[in-house]
Protein backbone atom coordinates (compact mmCIF):
# COMPACT_ATOMS: atom_id res chain seq x y z
CA UNK A 1 81.62 -10.77 22.86
CA UNK A 2 81.40 -13.95 21.73
CA UNK A 3 78.48 -16.89 22.17
CA UNK A 4 79.10 -20.48 22.81
CA UNK A 5 75.87 -22.63 22.30
CA UNK A 6 76.33 -25.92 24.52
CA UNK A 7 75.12 -29.45 24.48
CA UNK A 8 75.11 -32.02 27.24
CA UNK A 9 75.01 -35.82 27.64
CA UNK A 10 72.49 -35.40 29.46
CA UNK A 11 69.39 -32.53 30.76
CA UNK A 12 70.02 -33.75 34.79
CA UNK A 13 73.63 -32.56 34.13
CA UNK A 14 73.24 -28.79 33.54
CA UNK A 15 73.33 -27.73 37.75
CA UNK A 16 77.14 -29.78 37.42
CA UNK A 17 78.28 -28.10 34.45
CA UNK A 18 77.50 -24.43 35.77
CA UNK A 19 78.86 -25.30 38.44
CA UNK A 20 82.49 -25.58 36.19
CA UNK A 21 80.92 -22.38 34.46
CA UNK A 22 81.14 -20.48 37.37
CA UNK A 23 85.50 -20.81 37.97
CA UNK A 24 85.53 -19.45 34.29
CA UNK A 25 85.86 -15.51 35.29
CA UNK A 26 85.27 -14.71 31.00
CA UNK A 27 81.66 -16.33 31.29
CA UNK A 28 79.69 -13.49 32.30
CA UNK A 29 75.66 -15.11 31.74
CA UNK A 30 74.25 -18.87 30.99
CA UNK A 31 71.12 -19.50 30.38
CA UNK A 32 70.13 -23.30 30.39
CA UNK A 33 67.71 -23.19 26.49
CA UNK A 34 65.49 -25.51 24.77
CA UNK A 35 65.48 -26.41 21.44
CA UNK A 36 68.81 -28.28 19.79
CA UNK A 37 71.57 -27.59 22.48
CA UNK A 38 70.79 -27.06 25.84
CA UNK A 39 73.12 -23.99 26.61
CA UNK A 40 74.10 -20.92 25.98
CA UNK A 41 76.83 -18.69 27.72
CA UNK A 42 78.22 -15.57 26.75
CA UNK A 43 81.92 -14.50 27.39
CA UNK A 44 84.55 -12.35 26.85
CA UNK A 45 87.76 -12.98 25.10
CA UNK A 46 90.45 -10.49 24.92
CA UNK A 47 91.87 -12.51 21.44
CA UNK A 48 91.64 -15.54 19.36
CA UNK A 49 94.29 -16.99 21.12
CA UNK A 50 92.21 -16.71 24.38
CA UNK A 51 89.35 -17.73 22.83
CA UNK A 52 90.90 -20.99 21.68
CA UNK A 53 92.47 -21.47 25.17
CA UNK A 54 88.82 -21.22 27.06
CA UNK A 55 87.62 -23.30 24.03
CA UNK A 56 90.08 -26.12 23.95
CA UNK A 57 91.14 -26.56 27.51
CA UNK A 58 88.52 -24.94 29.67
CA UNK A 59 84.94 -25.63 27.88
CA UNK A 60 85.36 -29.13 25.71
CA UNK A 61 87.14 -30.68 29.16
CA UNK A 62 83.72 -29.99 31.56
CA UNK A 63 82.65 -33.55 31.99
CA UNK A 64 78.78 -33.84 30.58
CA UNK A 65 80.13 -31.21 27.49
CA UNK A 66 79.18 -33.48 24.12
CA UNK A 67 79.37 -30.34 21.93
CA UNK A 68 79.97 -26.54 20.99
CA UNK A 69 79.22 -23.90 18.75
CA UNK A 70 80.60 -20.35 18.91
CA UNK A 71 78.71 -17.42 17.82
CA UNK A 72 80.09 -13.93 17.48
CA UNK A 73 78.47 -11.38 18.08
CA UNK A 74 79.45 -8.00 15.38
CA UNK A 75 76.78 -5.83 16.70
CA UNK A 76 74.40 -5.66 19.13
CA UNK A 77 70.89 -3.51 18.08
CA UNK A 78 68.74 -3.42 20.45
CA UNK A 79 69.23 -3.65 24.04
CA UNK A 80 66.76 -2.28 26.24
CA UNK A 81 64.34 -3.08 29.42
CA UNK A 82 60.67 -3.28 29.61
CA UNK A 83 58.68 -3.26 32.55
CA UNK A 84 57.29 -6.52 32.02
CA UNK A 85 54.28 -5.86 34.90
CA UNK A 86 53.33 -1.73 34.99
CA UNK A 87 51.36 -2.20 38.54
CA UNK A 88 55.13 -2.96 39.57
CA UNK A 89 57.40 0.02 40.18
């Protein structure tokens, strides 16, 4: 699993960028975030060659994407679901 932080030219471009990201089947999650980067996406690539193709030929060619940063998850130590509202069932 790989995580990409994307920085957009303008936050208002988010919906247009998401519509382009939707067409990339390797992307399984997308989050609109606060902080230094505008978006966080999660994707799967079978090897480094596919990862480079996704980065160079798909993500970085989307209008409005001005920079990316790749994070590689080495281990998922915690994954759980919680009840936010105990009254809700």
